[in-house]
Amino acid sequence: MDDNSLVQFSIEFHENIAGEAHASEQLKEHVFIESTGEILSEYGEIEDCIRCSYQDRGLKVDGYHYDYEFNTITLIVSHWLDLSDPLKAKVNDTTVNTVFKRCQNFFKKSLTGLHRKIEM
């Protein structure tokens, strides 16, 4: 994919997210999670994505998939940037590690009882 195609894809993707968010009266990040969940499903990474946004100090999760056959859970966390220009929407390693750590913290806290305090 050349740079022009990437920019065009990003613009269209963001326009679709914004349009769907407006039409369904949802946050853009929530529509983004649903859209990327569909992409992950189409490519066979997960069967489906259940959006379940939860955020607290040092904790974050945006969606999950539970595989009953293998008894595994896939947690999904996002870092939504409302920037359609790929050159401006760069994310560094520190940000990726921070977002991942927040999802790890959510998982660890859930194992020690957080899941009982959350209304899904």
PDB file of N, CA and C in Angstrom:
ATOM      1  N   MET A   1       0.859  -1.171   0.000  1.00  0.00           N
ATOM      2  CA  MET A   1       0.000   0.000   0.000  1.00  0.00           C
ATOM      3  C   MET A   1       0.901   1.227   0.000  1.00  0.00           C
ATOM      4  N   ASP A   2       0.729   2.094  -0.991  1.00  0.00           N
ATOM      5  CA  ASP A   2       1.554   3.307  -1.030  1.00  0.00           C
ATOM      6  C   ASP A   2       0.995   4.363  -0.078  1.00  0.00           C
ATOM      7  N   ASP A   3       1.765   5.435   0.108  1.00  0.00           N
ATOM      8  CA  ASP A   3       1.382   6.469   1.077  1.00  0.00           C
ATOM      9  C   ASP A   3       0.038   7.104   0.764  1.00  0.00           C
ATOM     10  N   ASN A   4      -0.243   7.349  -0.522  1.00  0.00           N
ATOM     11  CA  ASN A   4      -1.524   7.964  -0.887  1.00  0.00           C
ATOM     12  C   ASN A   4      -2.697   7.032  -0.579  1.00  0.00           C
ATOM     13  N   SER A   5      -2.512   5.743  -0.839  1.00  0.00           N
ATOM     14  CA  SER A   5      -3.572   4.775  -0.545  1.00  0.00           C
ATOM     15  C   SER A   5      -3.816   4.677   0.949  1.00  0.00           C
ATOM     16  N   LEU A   6      -2.736   4.716   1.728  1.00  0.00           N
ATOM     17  CA  LEU A   6      -2.865   4.651   3.180  1.00  0.00           C
ATOM     18  C   LEU A   6      -3.605   5.877   3.712  1.00  0.00           C
ATOM     19  N   VAL A   7      -3.254   7.049   3.206  1.00  0.00           N
ATOM     20  CA  VAL A   7      -3.926   8.279   3.640  1.00  0.00           C
ATOM     21  C   VAL A   7      -5.400   8.225   3.261  1.00  0.00           C
ATOM     22  N   GLN A   8      -5.710   7.793   2.043  1.00  0.00           N
ATOM     23  CA  GLN A   8      -7.098   7.710   1.595  1.00  0.00           C
ATOM     24  C   GLN A   8      -7.882   6.707   2.432  1.00  0.00           C
ATOM     25  N   PHE A   9      -7.285   5.549   2.706  1.00  0.00           N
ATOM     26  CA  PHE A   9      -7.937   4.556   3.553  1.00  0.00           C
ATOM     27  C   PHE A   9      -8.214   5.129   4.931  1.00  0.00           C
ATOM     28  N   SER A  10      -7.232   5.804   5.511  1.00  0.00           N
ATOM     29  CA  SER A  10      -7.381   6.373   6.849  1.00  0.00           C
ATOM     30  C   SER A  10      -8.488   7.422   6.890  1.00  0.00           C
ATOM     31  N   ILE A  11      -8.538   8.272   5.880  1.00  0.00           N
ATOM     32  CA  ILE A  11      -9.591   9.298   5.812  1.00  0.00           C
ATOM     33  C   ILE A  11     -10.963   8.638   5.744  1.00  0.00           C
ATOM     34  N   GLU A  12     -11.117   7.660   4.871  1.00  0.00           N
ATOM     35  CA  GLU A  12     -12.404   6.973   4.723  1.00  0.00           C
ATOM     36  C   GLU A  12     -12.774   6.206   5.999  1.00  0.00           C
ATOM     37  N   PHE A  13     -11.791   5.554   6.609  1.00  0.00           N
ATOM     38  CA  PHE A  13     -12.028   4.803   7.842  1.00  0.00           C
ATOM     39  C   PHE A  13     -12.526   5.744   8.937  1.00  0.00           C
ATOM     40  N   HIS A  14     -11.862   6.885   9.111  1.00  0.00           N
ATOM     41  CA  HIS A  14     -12.266   7.857  10.124  1.00  0.00           C
ATOM     42  C   HIS A  14     -13.634   8.464   9.810  1.00  0.00           C
ATOM     43  N   GLU A  15     -13.917   8.713   8.542  1.00  0.00           N
ATOM     44  CA  GLU A  15     -15.235   9.236   8.163  1.00  0.00           C
ATOM     45  C   GLU A  15     -16.322   8.219   8.492  1.00  0.00           C
ATOM     46  N   ASN A  16     -16.056   6.942   8.223  1.00  0.00           N
ATOM     47  CA  ASN A  16     -17.028   5.891   8.545  1.00  0.00           C
ATOM     48  C   ASN A  16     -17.250   5.792  10.045  1.00  0.00           C
ATOM     49  N   ILE A  17     -16.179   5.871  10.820  1.00  0.00           N
ATOM     50  CA  ILE A  17     -16.280   5.824  12.276  1.00  0.00           C
ATOM     51  C   ILE A  17     -17.119   7.010  12.770  1.00  0.00           C
ATOM     52  N   ALA A  18     -16.808   8.198  12.275  1.00  0.00           N
ATOM     53  CA  ALA A  18     -17.526   9.407  12.700  1.00  0.00           C
ATOM     54  C   ALA A  18     -19.004   9.325  12.322  1.00  0.00           C
ATOM     55  N   GLY A  19     -19.286   8.859  11.112  1.00  0.00           N
ATOM     56  CA  GLY A  19     -20.675   8.745  10.662  1.00  0.00           C
ATOM     57  C   GLY A  19     -21.467   7.753  11.490  1.00  0.00           C
ATOM     58  N   GLU A  20     -20.871   6.596  11.752  1.00  0.00           N
ATOM     59  CA  GLU A  20     -21.546   5.577  12.544  1.00  0.00           C
ATOM     60  C   GLU A  20     -21.731   6.045  13.985  1.00  0.00           C
ATOM     61  N   ALA A  21     -20.724   6.720  14.531  1.00  0.00           N
ATOM     62  CA  ALA A  21     -20.817   7.229  15.902  1.00  0.00           C
ATOM     63  C   ALA A  21     -21.953   8.247  16.013  1.00  0.00           C
ATOM     64  N   HIS A  22     -22.054   9.111  15.029  1.00  0.00           N
ATOM     65  CA  HIS A  22     -23.116  10.115  15.034  1.00  0.00           C
ATOM     66  C   HIS A  22     -24.491   9.453  14.903  1.00  0.00           C
ATOM     67  N   ALA A  23     -24.602   8.528  13.958  1.00  0.00           N
ATOM     68  CA  ALA A  23     -25.890   7.873  13.704  1.00  0.00           C
ATOM     69  C   ALA A  23     -26.358   7.033  14.895  1.00  0.00           C
ATOM     70  N   SER A  24     -25.416   6.404  15.582  1.00  0.00           N
ATOM     71  CA  SER A  24     -25.791   5.524  16.692  1.00  0.00           C
ATOM     72  C   SER A  24     -25.631   6.193  18.059  1.00  0.00           C
ATOM     73  N   GLU A  25     -25.232   7.451  18.043  1.00  0.00           N
ATOM     74  CA  GLU A  25     -25.030   8.224  19.278  1.00  0.00           C
ATOM     75  C   GLU A  25     -24.081   7.512  20.235  1.00  0.00           C
ATOM     76  N   GLN A  26     -22.958   7.050  19.681  1.00  0.00           N
ATOM     77  CA  GLN A  26     -21.913   6.393  20.457  1.00  0.00           C
ATOM     78  C   GLN A  26     -20.630   7.206  20.375  1.00  0.00           C
ATOM     79  N   LEU A  27     -19.708   6.920  21.263  1.00  0.00           N
ATOM     80  CA  LEU A  27     -18.382   7.515  21.169  1.00  0.00           C
ATOM     81  C   LEU A  27     -17.650   6.914  19.973  1.00  0.00           C
ATOM     82  N   LYS A  28     -16.807   7.709  19.346  1.00  0.00           N
ATOM     83  CA  LYS A  28     -16.042   7.209  18.205  1.00  0.00           C
ATOM     84  C   LYS A  28     -15.172   6.020  18.602  1.00  0.00           C
ATOM     85  N   GLU A  29     -14.595   6.069  19.801  1.00  0.00           N
ATOM     86  CA  GLU A  29     -13.748   4.963  20.244  1.00  0.00           C
ATOM     87  C   GLU A  29     -14.545   3.666  20.335  1.00  0.00           C
ATOM     88  N   HIS A  30     -15.799   3.734  20.760  1.00  0.00           N
ATOM     89  CA  HIS A  30     -16.625   2.528  20.843  1.00  0.00           C
ATOM     90  C   HIS A  30     -16.907   1.961  19.453  1.00  0.00           C
ATOM     91  N   VAL A  31     -17.189   2.836  18.500  1.00  0.00           N
ATOM     92  CA  VAL A  31     -17.415   2.381  17.126  1.00  0.00           C
ATOM     93  C   VAL A  31     -16.119   1.806  16.554  1.00  0.00           C
ATOM     94  N   PHE A  32     -14.989   2.426  16.903  1.00  0.00           N
ATOM     95  CA  PHE A  32     -13.683   1.926  16.465  1.00  0.00           C
ATOM     96  C   PHE A  32     -13.462   0.497  16.968  1.00  0.00           C
ATOM     97  N   ILE A  33     -13.764   0.243  18.222  1.00  0.00           N
ATOM     98  CA  ILE A  33     -13.610  -1.104  18.793  1.00  0.00           C
ATOM     99  C   ILE A  33     -14.491  -2.094  18.035  1.00  0.00           C
ATOM    100  N   GLU A  34     -15.739  -1.714  17.789  1.00  0.00           N
ATOM    101  CA  GLU A  34     -16.643  -2.604  17.066  1.00  0.00           C
ATOM    102  C   GLU A  34     -16.135  -2.867  15.646  1.00  0.00           C
ATOM    103  N   SER A  35     -15.642  -1.833  14.984  1.00  0.00           N
ATOM    104  CA  SER A  35     -15.124  -1.982  13.615  1.00  0.00           C
ATOM    105  C   SER A  35     -13.876  -2.853  13.570  1.00  0.00           C
ATOM    106  N   THR A  36     -12.954  -2.613  14.483  1.00  0.00           N
ATOM    107  CA  THR A  36     -11.741  -3.434  14.490  1.00  0.00           C
ATOM    108  C   THR A  36     -12.052  -4.860  14.945  1.00  0.00           C
ATOM    109  N   GLY A  37     -13.040  -5.017  15.823  1.00  0.00           N
ATOM    110  CA  GLY A  37     -13.479  -6.360  16.208  1.00  0.00           C
ATOM    111  C   GLY A  37     -13.996  -7.133  15.004  1.00  0.00           C
ATOM    112  N   GLU A  38     -14.746  -6.449  14.146  1.00  0.00           N
ATOM    113  CA  GLU A  38     -15.247  -7.086  12.920  1.00  0.00           C
ATOM    114  C   GLU A  38     -14.087  -7.475  12.004  1.00  0.00           C
ATOM    115  N   ILE A  39     -13.077  -6.614  11.914  1.00  0.00           N
ATOM    116  CA  ILE A  39     -11.908  -6.912  11.080  1.00  0.00           C
ATOM    117  C   ILE A  39     -11.172  -8.133  11.636  1.00  0.00           C
ATOM    118  N   LEU A  40     -10.969  -8.166  12.947  1.00  0.00           N
ATOM    119  CA  LEU A  40     -10.310  -9.324  13.570  1.00  0.00           C
ATOM    120  C   LEU A  40     -11.105 -10.601  13.330  1.00  0.00           C
ATOM    121  N   SER A  41     -12.404 -10.492  13.364  1.00  0.00           N
ATOM    122  CA  SER A  41     -13.268 -11.643  13.115  1.00  0.00           C
ATOM    123  C   SER A  41     -13.185 -12.095  11.655  1.00  0.00           C
ATOM    124  N   GLU A  42     -13.232 -11.130  10.734  1.00  0.00           N
ATOM    125  CA  GLU A  42     -13.137 -11.458   9.303  1.00  0.00           C
ATOM    126  C   GLU A  42     -11.848 -12.191   8.975  1.00  0.00           C
ATOM    127  N   TYR A  43     -10.762 -11.837   9.665  1.00  0.00           N
ATOM    128  CA  TYR A  43      -9.466 -12.459   9.398  1.00  0.00           C
ATOM    129  C   TYR A  43      -9.203 -13.687  10.269  1.00  0.00           C
ATOM    130  N   GLY A  44     -10.217 -14.109  11.033  1.00  0.00           N
ATOM    131  CA  GLY A  44     -10.116 -15.344  11.777  1.00  0.00           C
ATOM    132  C   GLY A  44      -9.306 -15.279  13.063  1.00  0.00           C
ATOM    133  N   GLU A  45      -9.000 -14.087  13.529  1.00  0.00           N
ATOM    134  CA  GLU A  45      -8.242 -13.968  14.776  1.00  0.00           C
ATOM    135  C   GLU A  45      -9.122 -14.275  15.986  1.00  0.00           C
ATOM    136  N   ILE A  46     -10.369 -13.860  15.930  1.00  0.00           N
ATOM    137  CA  ILE A  46     -11.361 -14.147  16.968  1.00  0.00           C
ATOM    138  C   ILE A  46     -12.686 -14.424  16.264  1.00  0.00           C
ATOM    139  N   GLU A  47     -13.627 -15.053  16.971  1.00  0.00           N
ATOM    140  CA  GLU A  47     -14.932 -15.312  16.370  1.00  0.00           C
ATOM    141  C   GLU A  47     -15.804 -14.070  16.394  1.00  0.00           C
ATOM    142  N   ASP A  48     -15.750 -13.350  17.502  1.00  0.00           N
ATOM    143  CA  ASP A  48     -16.508 -12.113  17.613  1.00  0.00           C
ATOM    144  C   ASP A  48     -15.868 -11.257  18.700  1.00  0.00           C
ATOM    145  N   CYS A  49     -16.269 -10.006  18.756  1.00  0.00           N
ATOM    146  CA  CYS A  49     -15.747  -9.082  19.760  1.00  0.00           C
ATOM    147  C   CYS A  49     -16.928  -8.491  20.511  1.00  0.00           C
ATOM    148  N   ILE A  50     -16.920  -8.665  21.807  1.00  0.00           N
ATOM    149  CA  ILE A  50     -17.946  -8.066  22.649  1.00  0.00           C
ATOM    150  C   ILE A  50     -17.352  -6.775  23.210  1.00  0.00           C
ATOM    151  N   ARG A  51     -17.941  -5.649  22.842  1.00  0.00           N
ATOM    152  CA  ARG A  51     -17.435  -4.380  23.363  1.00  0.00           C
ATOM    153  C   ARG A  51     -17.899  -4.227  24.800  1.00  0.00           C
ATOM    154  N   CYS A  52     -16.963  -3.940  25.671  1.00  0.00           N
ATOM    155  CA  CYS A  52     -17.283  -3.765  27.090  1.00  0.00           C
ATOM    156  C   CYS A  52     -16.281  -2.782  27.691  1.00  0.00           C
ATOM    157  N   SER A  53     -16.427  -1.553  27.356  1.00  0.00           N
ATOM    158  CA  SER A  53     -15.455  -0.560  27.795  1.00  0.00           C
ATOM    159  C   SER A  53     -15.486  -0.363  29.302  1.00  0.00           C
ATOM    160  N   TYR A  54     -14.300  -0.472  29.885  1.00  0.00           N
ATOM    161  CA  TYR A  54     -14.123  -0.222  31.313  1.00  0.00           C
ATOM    162  C   TYR A  54     -12.783   0.483  31.482  1.00  0.00           C
ATOM    163  N   GLN A  55     -12.816   1.553  32.259  1.00  0.00           N
ATOM    164  CA  GLN A  55     -11.595   2.306  32.494  1.00  0.00           C
ATOM    165  C   GLN A  55     -11.600   2.839  33.917  1.00  0.00           C
ATOM    166  N   ASP A  56     -10.486   2.710  34.570  1.00  0.00           N
ATOM    167  CA  ASP A  56     -10.284   3.235  35.908  1.00  0.00           C
ATOM    168  C   ASP A  56      -8.798   3.565  36.011  1.00  0.00           C
ATOM    169  N   ARG A  57      -8.389   4.100  37.113  1.00  0.00           N
ATOM    170  CA  ARG A  57      -6.983   4.479  37.275  1.00  0.00           C
ATOM    171  C   ARG A  57      -6.071   3.263  37.061  1.00  0.00           C
ATOM    172  N   GLY A  58      -5.262   3.321  36.000  1.00  0.00           N
ATOM    173  CA  GLY A  58      -4.327   2.247  35.707  1.00  0.00           C
ATOM    174  C   GLY A  58      -4.929   1.010  35.085  1.00  0.00           C
ATOM    175  N   LEU A  59      -6.232   1.044  34.756  1.00  0.00           N
ATOM    176  CA  LEU A  59      -6.930  -0.114  34.198  1.00  0.00           C
ATOM    177  C   LEU A  59      -7.696   0.288  32.950  1.00  0.00           C
ATOM    178  N   LYS A  60      -7.711  -0.600  31.960  1.00  0.00           N
ATOM    179  CA  LYS A  60      -8.542  -0.338  30.790  1.00  0.00           C
ATOM    180  C   LYS A  60      -8.746  -1.623  30.003  1.00  0.00           C
ATOM    181  N   VAL A  61      -9.975  -1.793  29.529  1.00  0.00           N
ATOM    182  CA  VAL A  61     -10.308  -2.847  28.579  1.00  0.00           C
ATOM    183  C   VAL A  61     -11.435  -2.303  27.719  1.00  0.00           C
ATOM    184  N   ASP A  62     -11.463  -2.676  26.450  1.00  0.00           N
ATOM    185  CA  ASP A  62     -12.488  -2.168  25.545  1.00  0.00           C
ATOM    186  C   ASP A  62     -13.340  -3.258  24.926  1.00  0.00           C
ATOM    187  N   GLY A  63     -12.853  -4.474  24.971  1.00  0.00           N
ATOM    188  CA  GLY A  63     -13.626  -5.562  24.399  1.00  0.00           C
ATOM    189  C   GLY A  63     -12.987  -6.894  24.736  1.00  0.00           C
ATOM    190  N   TYR A  64     -13.700  -7.956  24.398  1.00  0.00           N
ATOM    191  CA  TYR A  64     -13.156  -9.283  24.659  1.00  0.00           C
ATOM    192  C   TYR A  64     -13.808 -10.306  23.741  1.00  0.00           C
ATOM    193  N   HIS A  65     -13.172 -11.449  23.686  1.00  0.00           N
ATOM    194  CA  HIS A  65     -13.739 -12.632  23.037  1.00  0.00           C
ATOM    195  C   HIS A  65     -13.418 -13.817  23.939  1.00  0.00           C
ATOM    196  N   TYR A  66     -14.437 -14.596  24.264  1.00  0.00           N
ATOM    197  CA  TYR A  66     -14.226 -15.810  25.044  1.00  0.00           C
ATOM    198  C   TYR A  66     -14.439 -17.008  24.147  1.00  0.00           C
ATOM    199  N   ASP A  67     -13.436 -17.854  24.067  1.00  0.00           N
ATOM    200  CA  ASP A  67     -13.499 -19.064  23.258  1.00  0.00           C
ATOM    201  C   ASP A  67     -13.858 -20.233  24.174  1.00  0.00           C
ATOM    202  N   TYR A  68     -15.100 -20.696  24.073  1.00  0.00           N
ATOM    203  CA  TYR A  68     -15.584 -21.776  24.935  1.00  0.00           C
ATOM    204  C   TYR A  68     -14.897 -23.108  24.630  1.00  0.00           C
ATOM    205  N   GLU A  69     -14.536 -23.308  23.377  1.00  0.00           N
ATOM    206  CA  GLU A  69     -13.899 -24.569  23.000  1.00  0.00           C
ATOM    207  C   GLU A  69     -12.531 -24.727  23.666  1.00  0.00           C
ATOM    208  N   PHE A  70     -11.746 -23.656  23.677  1.00  0.00           N
ATOM    209  CA  PHE A  70     -10.398 -23.716  24.238  1.00  0.00           C
ATOM    210  C   PHE A  70     -10.301 -23.091  25.626  1.00  0.00           C
ATOM    211  N   ASN A  71     -11.435 -22.546  26.129  1.00  0.00           N
ATOM    212  CA  ASN A  71     -11.473 -21.943  27.453  1.00  0.00           C
ATOM    213  C   ASN A  71     -10.434 -20.821  27.590  1.00  0.00           C
ATOM    214  N   THR A  72     -10.401 -19.948  26.571  1.00  0.00           N
ATOM    215  CA  THR A  72      -9.454 -18.824  26.572  1.00  0.00           C
ATOM    216  C   THR A  72     -10.204 -17.516  26.376  1.00  0.00           C
ATOM    217  N   ILE A  73      -9.609 -16.461  26.875  1.00  0.00           N
ATOM    218  CA  ILE A  73     -10.187 -15.135  26.692  1.00  0.00           C
ATOM    219  C   ILE A  73      -9.162 -14.239  25.994  1.00  0.00           C
ATOM    220  N   THR A  74      -9.639 -13.438  25.067  1.00  0.00           N
ATOM    221  CA  THR A  74      -8.825 -12.441  24.405  1.00  0.00           C
ATOM    222  C   THR A  74      -9.347 -11.082  24.847  1.00  0.00           C
ATOM    223  N   LEU A  75      -8.497 -10.290  25.469  1.00  0.00           N
ATOM    224  CA  LEU A  75      -8.878  -8.940  25.872  1.00  0.00           C
ATOM    225  C   LEU A  75      -8.402  -7.964  24.810  1.00  0.00           C
ATOM    226  N   ILE A  76      -9.222  -6.966  24.553  1.00  0.00           N
ATOM    227  CA  ILE A  76      -8.917  -5.975  23.527  1.00  0.00           C
ATOM    228  C   ILE A  76      -8.904  -4.607  24.178  1.00  0.00           C
ATOM    229  N   VAL A  77      -7.855  -3.863  23.911  1.00  0.00           N
ATOM    230  CA  VAL A  77      -7.726  -2.508  24.438  1.00  0.00           C
ATOM    231  C   VAL A  77      -7.321  -1.595  23.285  1.00  0.00           C
ATOM    232  N   SER A  78      -7.832  -0.375  23.306  1.00  0.00           N
ATOM    233  CA  SER A  78      -7.532   0.539  22.203  1.00  0.00           C
ATOM    234  C   SER A  78      -6.863   1.808  22.710  1.00  0.00           C
ATOM    235  N   HIS A  79      -6.258   2.476  21.774  1.00  0.00           N
ATOM    236  CA  HIS A  79      -5.728   3.817  21.994  1.00  0.00           C
ATOM    237  C   HIS A  79      -6.216   4.636  20.799  1.00  0.00           C
ATOM    238  N   TRP A  80      -7.421   5.166  20.909  1.00  0.00           N
ATOM    239  CA  TRP A  80      -8.069   5.864  19.797  1.00  0.00           C
ATOM    240  C   TRP A  80      -7.472   7.259  19.624  1.00  0.00           C
ATOM    241  N   LEU A  81      -7.010   7.543  18.418  1.00  0.00           N
ATOM    242  CA  LEU A  81      -6.569   8.879  18.042  1.00  0.00           C
ATOM    243  C   LEU A  81      -7.488   9.346  16.925  1.00  0.00           C
ATOM    244  N   ASP A  82      -8.144  10.439  17.137  1.00  0.00           N
ATOM    245  CA  ASP A  82      -9.087  10.958  16.142  1.00  0.00           C
ATOM    246  C   ASP A  82      -8.340  11.807  15.121  1.00  0.00           C
ATOM    247  N   LEU A  83      -7.375  11.178  14.471  1.00  0.00           N
ATOM    248  CA  LEU A  83      -6.548  11.845  13.468  1.00  0.00           C
ATOM    249  C   LEU A  83      -6.507  10.967  12.228  1.00  0.00           C
ATOM    250  N   SER A  84      -7.004  11.468  11.120  1.00  0.00           N
ATOM    251  CA  SER A  84      -7.031  10.640   9.913  1.00  0.00           C
ATOM    252  C   SER A  84      -5.710  10.657   9.154  1.00  0.00           C
ATOM    253  N   ASP A  85      -4.822  11.610   9.450  1.00  0.00           N
ATOM    254  CA  ASP A  85      -3.522  11.674   8.786  1.00  0.00           C
ATOM    255  C   ASP A  85      -2.560  10.710   9.482  1.00  0.00           C
ATOM    256  N   PRO A  86      -2.158   9.625   8.803  1.00  0.00           N
ATOM    257  CA  PRO A  86      -1.278   8.636   9.433  1.00  0.00           C
ATOM    258  C   PRO A  86       0.046   9.224   9.927  1.00  0.00           C
ATOM    259  N   LEU A  87       0.507  10.288   9.309  1.00  0.00           N
ATOM    260  CA  LEU A  87       1.765  10.896   9.741  1.00  0.00           C
ATOM    261  C   LEU A  87       1.617  11.605  11.089  1.00  0.00           C
ATOM    262  N   LYS A  88       0.418  12.052  11.410  1.00  0.00           N
ATOM    263  CA  LYS A  88       0.168  12.727  12.682  1.00  0.00           C
ATOM    264  C   LYS A  88      -0.296  11.754  13.759  1.00  0.00           C
ATOM    265  N   ALA A  89      -0.718  10.577  13.366  1.00  0.00           N
ATOM    266  CA  ALA A  89      -1.301   9.611  14.302  1.00  0.00           C
ATOM    267  C   ALA A  89      -0.294   8.539  14.719  1.00  0.00           C
ATOM    268  N   LYS A  90       0.940   8.934  14.869  1.00  0.00           N
ATOM    269  CA  LYS A  90       1.962   7.963  15.274  1.00  0.00           C
ATOM    270  C   LYS A  90       1.901   7.717  16.772  1.00  0.00           C
ATOM    271  N   VAL A  91       2.150   6.482  17.147  1.00  0.00           N
ATOM    272  CA  VAL A  91       2.137   6.076  18.547  1.00  0.00           C
ATOM    273  C   VAL A  91       3.505   5.465  18.851  1.00  0.00           C
ATOM    274  N   ASN A  92       4.117   5.930  19.919  1.00  0.00           N
ATOM    275  CA  ASN A  92       5.449   5.420  20.259  1.00  0.00           C
ATOM    276  C   ASN A  92       5.359   4.186  21.161  1.00  0.00           C
ATOM    277  N   ASP A  93       6.504   3.548  21.368  1.00  0.00           N
ATOM    278  CA  ASP A  93       6.562   2.323  22.182  1.00  0.00           C
ATOM    279  C   ASP A  93       6.074   2.564  23.608  1.00  0.00           C
ATOM    280  N   THR A  94       6.390   3.706  24.170  1.00  0.00           N
ATOM    281  CA  THR A  94       5.978   4.005  25.540  1.00  0.00           C
ATOM    282  C   THR A  94       4.459   3.997  25.660  1.00  0.00           C
ATOM    283  N   THR A  95       3.774   4.594  24.697  1.00  0.00           N
ATOM    284  CA  THR A  95       2.310   4.625  24.715  1.00  0.00           C
ATOM    285  C   THR A  95       1.739   3.221  24.568  1.00  0.00           C
ATOM    286  N   VAL A  96       2.286   2.451  23.647  1.00  0.00           N
ATOM    287  CA  VAL A  96       1.821   1.072  23.451  1.00  0.00           C
ATOM    288  C   VAL A  96       2.003   0.269  24.737  1.00  0.00           C
ATOM    289  N   ASN A  97       3.164   0.379  25.351  1.00  0.00           N
ATOM    290  CA  ASN A  97       3.431  -0.355  26.593  1.00  0.00           C
ATOM    291  C   ASN A  97       2.507   0.088  27.723  1.00  0.00           C
ATOM    292  N   THR A  98       2.216   1.383  27.805  1.00  0.00           N
ATOM    293  CA  THR A  98       1.318   1.901  28.839  1.00  0.00           C
ATOM    294  C   THR A  98      -0.091   1.370  28.652  1.00  0.00           C
ATOM    295  N   VAL A  99      -0.592   1.402  27.429  1.00  0.00           N
ATOM    296  CA  VAL A  99      -1.944   0.907  27.148  1.00  0.00           C
ATOM    297  C   VAL A  99      -2.023  -0.594  27.429  1.00  0.00           C
ATOM    298  N   PHE A 100      -0.999  -1.337  26.998  1.00  0.00           N
ATOM    299  CA  PHE A 100      -0.970  -2.773  27.248  1.00  0.00           C
ATOM    300  C   PHE A 100      -0.929  -3.060  28.752  1.00  0.00           C
ATOM    301  N   LYS A 101      -0.153  -2.302  29.493  1.00  0.00           N
ATOM    302  CA  LYS A 101      -0.039  -2.488  30.940  1.00  0.00           C
ATOM    303  C   LYS A 101      -1.389  -2.245  31.624  1.00  0.00           C
ATOM    304  N   ARG A 102      -2.149  -1.256  31.143  1.00  0.00           N
ATOM    305  CA  ARG A 102      -3.467  -0.987  31.713  1.00  0.00           C
ATOM    306  C   ARG A 102      -4.398  -2.179  31.500  1.00  0.00           C
ATOM    307  N   CYS A 103      -4.286  -2.831  30.352  1.00  0.00           N
ATOM    308  CA  CYS A 103      -5.101  -4.019  30.078  1.00  0.00           C
ATOM    309  C   CYS A 103      -4.631  -5.183  30.951  1.00  0.00           C
ATOM    310  N   GLN A 104      -3.327  -5.343  31.101  1.00  0.00           N
ATOM    311  CA  GLN A 104      -2.780  -6.376  31.993  1.00  0.00           C
ATOM    312  C   GLN A 104      -3.273  -6.152  33.420  1.00  0.00           C
ATOM    313  N   ASN A 105      -3.249  -4.900  33.868  1.00  0.00           N
ATOM    314  CA  ASN A 105      -3.711  -4.581  35.222  1.00  0.00           C
ATOM    315  C   ASN A 105      -5.188  -4.920  35.392  1.00  0.00           C
ATOM    316  N   PHE A 106      -5.982  -4.636  34.362  1.00  0.00           N
ATOM    317  CA  PHE A 106      -7.398  -4.992  34.404  1.00  0.00           C
ATOM    318  C   PHE A 106      -7.550  -6.497  34.602  1.00  0.00           C
ATOM    319  N   PHE A 107      -6.807  -7.267  33.830  1.00  0.00           N
ATOM    320  CA  PHE A 107      -6.882  -8.723  33.923  1.00  0.00           C
ATOM    321  C   PHE A 107      -6.480  -9.206  35.316  1.00  0.00           C
ATOM    322  N   LYS A 108      -5.366  -8.706  35.820  1.00  0.00           N
ATOM    323  CA  LYS A 108      -4.893  -9.123  37.150  1.00  0.00           C
ATOM    324  C   LYS A 108      -5.902  -8.758  38.239  1.00  0.00           C
ATOM    325  N   LYS A 109      -6.470  -7.547  38.164  1.00  0.00           N
ATOM    326  CA  LYS A 109      -7.460  -7.135  39.166  1.00  0.00           C
ATOM    327  C   LYS A 109      -8.727  -7.980  39.046  1.00  0.00           C
ATOM    328  N   SER A 110      -9.077  -8.365  37.837  1.00  0.00           N
ATOM    329  CA  SER A 110     -10.259  -9.215  37.642  1.00  0.00           C
ATOM    330  C   SER A 110     -10.076 -10.577  38.297  1.00  0.00           C
ATOM    331  N   LEU A 111      -8.863 -11.087  38.251  1.00  0.00           N
ATOM    332  CA  LEU A 111      -8.581 -12.376  38.883  1.00  0.00           C
ATOM    333  C   LEU A 111      -8.693 -12.308  40.402  1.00  0.00           C
ATOM    334  N   THR A 112      -8.558 -11.100  40.942  1.00  0.00           N
ATOM    335  CA  THR A 112      -8.642 -10.946  42.401  1.00  0.00           C
ATOM    336  C   THR A 112      -9.949 -10.304  42.844  1.00  0.00           C
ATOM    337  N   GLY A 113     -10.974 -10.327  41.978  1.00  0.00           N
ATOM    338  CA  GLY A 113     -12.307  -9.910  42.407  1.00  0.00           C
ATOM    339  C   GLY A 113     -12.906  -8.693  41.733  1.00  0.00           C
ATOM    340  N   LEU A 114     -12.140  -7.972  40.930  1.00  0.00           N
ATOM    341  CA  LEU A 114     -12.697  -6.786  40.259  1.00  0.00           C
ATOM    342  C   LEU A 114     -13.915  -7.144  39.418  1.00  0.00           C
ATOM    343  N   HIS A 115     -13.899  -8.305  38.792  1.00  0.00           N
ATOM    344  CA  HIS A 115     -15.002  -8.711  37.913  1.00  0.00           C
ATOM    345  C   HIS A 115     -16.351  -8.738  38.645  1.00  0.00           C
ATOM    346  N   ARG A 116     -16.325  -8.939  39.954  1.00  0.00           N
ATOM    347  CA  ARG A 116     -17.579  -8.966  40.723  1.00  0.00           C
ATOM    348  C   ARG A 116     -18.148  -7.564  40.946  1.00  0.00           C
ATOM    349  N   LYS A 117     -17.311  -6.540  40.803  1.00  0.00           N
ATOM    350  CA  LYS A 117     -17.724  -5.170  41.071  1.00  0.00           C
ATOM    351  C   LYS A 117     -18.149  -4.423  39.803  1.00  0.00           C
ATOM    352  N   ILE A 118     -17.961  -5.040  38.649  1.00  0.00           N
ATOM    353  CA  ILE A 118     -18.232  -4.382  37.364  1.00  0.00           C
ATOM    354  C   ILE A 118     -19.577  -4.847  36.826  1.00  0.00           C
ATOM    355  N   GLU A 119     -20.379  -3.894  36.434  1.00  0.00           N
ATOM    356  CA  GLU A 119     -21.642  -4.232  35.779  1.00  0.00           C
ATOM    357  C   GLU A 119     -21.404  -4.244  34.279  1.00  0.00           C
ATOM    358  N   MET A 120     -21.607  -5.385  33.663  1.00  0.00           N
ATOM    359  CA  MET A 120     -21.406  -5.495  32.215  1.00  0.00           C
ATOM    360  C   MET A 120     -22.698  -5.187  31.484  1.00  0.00           C
TER     361      MET A 120
END
